[in-house]
Protein backbone atom coordinates (compact mmCIF):
# COMPACT_ATOMS: atom_id res chain seq x y z
CA MET A 1 -11.08 -22.25 56.95
CA THR A 2 -11.61 -22.82 53.26
CA PHE A 3 -9.06 -21.79 50.62
CA ASN A 4 -9.95 -21.20 46.94
CA ILE A 5 -7.03 -22.66 44.85
CA ARG A 6 -7.53 -20.41 41.87
CA GLY A 7 -7.70 -17.22 44.18
CA ILE A 8 -4.24 -18.32 45.72
CA ALA A 9 -2.83 -19.08 42.40
CA CYS A 10 -3.87 -15.56 41.11
CA ILE A 11 -2.35 -13.91 44.20
CA VAL A 12 0.79 -15.86 43.84
CA MET A 13 1.19 -14.87 40.18
CA LEU A 14 0.65 -11.26 40.80
CA ALA A 15 3.00 -11.22 43.85
CA THR A 16 5.66 -12.87 41.84
CA SER A 17 5.42 -11.07 38.65
CA GLY A 18 5.25 -7.63 39.94
CA CYS A 19 1.99 -6.86 37.96
CA SER A 20 -0.71 -4.60 39.15
CA LEU A 21 -4.29 -4.89 38.58
CA LEU A 22 -4.65 -1.25 38.13
CA GLU A 23 -1.91 -0.62 35.47
CA PRO A 24 -1.98 -2.30 32.12
CA ALA A 25 1.12 -3.97 30.77
CA SER A 26 3.28 -1.54 28.59
CA THR A 27 2.98 -1.86 24.90
CA ASP A 28 5.66 0.68 24.10
CA THR A 29 7.90 -1.78 22.38
CA PRO A 30 10.13 -0.74 19.44
CA LYS A 31 7.82 -2.72 17.09
CA ALA A 32 4.71 -0.84 18.46
CA GLU A 33 6.07 2.50 18.14
CA LEU A 34 7.09 2.15 14.52
CA VAL A 35 4.67 -0.14 12.69
CA GLY A 36 2.21 1.86 10.93
CA SER A 37 3.97 5.16 11.57
CA THR A 38 5.10 7.76 9.04
CA TRP A 39 8.30 9.93 9.64
CA LEU A 40 9.63 13.04 8.00
CA ALA A 41 13.47 13.54 7.40
CA GLU A 42 14.95 16.53 9.29
CA ASP A 43 18.55 15.73 8.71
CA ILE A 44 20.68 13.52 6.38
CA ASP A 45 24.28 12.86 7.52
CA GLY A 46 24.44 16.25 9.19
CA GLY A 47 23.64 18.22 6.33
CA GLY A 48 19.99 19.13 7.09
CA VAL A 49 17.41 18.90 4.17
CA ILE A 50 15.90 21.02 1.42
CA ASP A 51 12.47 21.92 2.97
CA ASP A 52 10.53 21.43 -0.36
CA ALA A 53 11.96 17.85 -0.86
CA GLN A 54 10.15 15.97 1.73
CA SER A 55 11.74 12.58 2.28
CA THR A 56 9.43 10.29 4.22
CA LEU A 57 9.71 6.80 5.94
CA VAL A 58 6.71 4.77 6.43
CA PHE A 59 6.84 1.54 8.41
CA GLY A 60 4.23 -0.80 7.11
CA THR A 61 2.60 -3.75 9.02
CA ASP A 62 4.06 -6.18 6.54
CA GLY A 63 7.72 -5.86 7.26
CA ARG A 64 8.32 -3.23 4.63
CA VAL A 65 9.27 0.36 4.42
CA SER A 66 8.28 2.93 1.91
CA GLY A 67 7.95 6.63 1.38
CA ARG A 68 9.19 9.46 -0.89
CA ALA A 69 12.91 9.97 -1.27
CA GLY A 70 12.49 13.48 -2.44
CA CYS A 71 11.54 13.17 -6.19
CA ASN A 72 10.80 9.37 -6.37
CA GLN A 73 8.81 6.86 -4.46
CA TYR A 74 10.79 3.94 -2.90
CA SER A 75 10.10 0.56 -0.95
CA GLY A 76 12.23 -1.98 0.79
CA THR A 77 12.29 -4.48 3.48
CA VAL A 78 12.97 -3.85 7.20
CA THR A 79 14.37 -6.35 9.72
CA ARG A 80 14.28 -5.46 13.36
CA LYS A 81 15.35 -7.16 16.57
CA GLY A 82 15.63 -4.96 19.54
CA ALA A 83 17.58 -1.89 18.58
CA SER A 84 18.88 -3.61 15.57
CA MET A 85 17.29 -2.54 12.34
CA ILE A 86 18.36 -3.35 8.63
CA ILE A 87 16.73 -1.62 5.62
CA ASP A 88 17.54 -3.39 2.42
CA GLN A 89 16.22 -4.40 -0.88
CA VAL A 90 15.42 -0.85 -1.54
CA MET A 91 13.79 -0.16 -4.90
CA SER A 92 12.77 3.26 -6.28
CA THR A 93 11.21 4.81 -9.24
CA LYS A 94 13.51 6.58 -11.65
CA MET A 95 12.12 10.11 -12.48
CA ALA A 96 14.85 12.61 -12.52
CA CYS A 97 14.54 15.69 -10.25
CA THR A 98 14.52 18.98 -11.94
CA ALA A 99 17.13 20.38 -9.66
CA PRO A 100 20.56 18.87 -9.03
CA ALA A 101 20.39 19.63 -5.45
CA LEU A 102 17.27 17.56 -5.01
CA MET A 103 18.68 14.58 -6.87
CA ASP A 104 21.91 14.85 -4.64
CA GLN A 105 19.68 14.88 -1.42
CA GLU A 106 17.54 11.91 -2.79
CA THR A 107 20.85 9.91 -3.50
CA ARG A 108 22.23 10.80 -0.01
CA PHE A 109 18.96 9.79 1.71
CA LEU A 110 18.64 6.42 -0.14
CA ASN A 111 22.43 5.59 0.58
CA ALA A 112 21.86 6.58 4.35
CA LEU A 113 18.70 4.57 4.54
CA GLN A 114 20.43 1.35 3.18
CA ALA A 115 23.25 1.89 5.66
CA THR A 116 21.05 1.65 8.68
CA ARG A 117 22.00 -1.02 11.20
CA SER A 118 20.24 0.22 14.28
CA TYR A 119 17.88 3.01 15.56
CA ARG A 120 17.13 5.03 18.71
CA MET A 121 14.52 7.11 19.71
CA GLU A 122 15.35 10.81 21.01
CA GLY A 123 12.19 12.22 22.42
CA THR A 124 9.84 12.38 19.46
CA LYS A 125 12.90 11.85 17.04
CA LEU A 126 13.62 8.64 15.23
CA VAL A 127 17.38 8.38 14.47
CA LEU A 128 18.76 5.73 12.09
CA VAL A 129 22.41 4.72 12.75
CA ASP A 130 24.99 3.03 10.59
CA GLY A 131 27.30 -0.01 11.59
CA ALA A 132 30.03 2.55 12.79
CA GLY A 133 27.58 4.15 15.18
CA LYS A 134 27.07 7.32 13.24
CA ALA A 135 23.52 8.83 13.05
CA ARG A 136 22.82 9.07 9.27
CA LEU A 137 18.99 9.94 9.41
CA ARG A 138 16.95 11.97 11.77
CA PHE A 139 13.13 11.97 11.47
CA ASP A 140 10.23 13.49 13.28
CA ARG A 141 6.57 12.51 12.93
């Protein structure tokens, strides 16, 4: 009886790794689900949002975030490791909002964004959480 060494090695690798030839490996990692995605804020610090002031969060492929804070555009850096996420070095344009409520929402949005220390997915929602474990921002696609 003749054995093919490569064939035996493949069988051993499949048996020990729990892989399947029929199912591809999962690519649903935190990085994969966020990179290149755009999110729309639905809630800031439990106070909802003004519908006309769309605050967005875009995860670039270059380790940066950007979007619209309400009136102004912003950008910053994002550092992720597992569920940990830190958004910092946030800069924004300085146009004044016409309504004080819009300016207030933008300020709350940017402050909450910079307070982010982790994130979690809740179905289709992205939730950004501060260091105390409080959900600060809730987004949908």
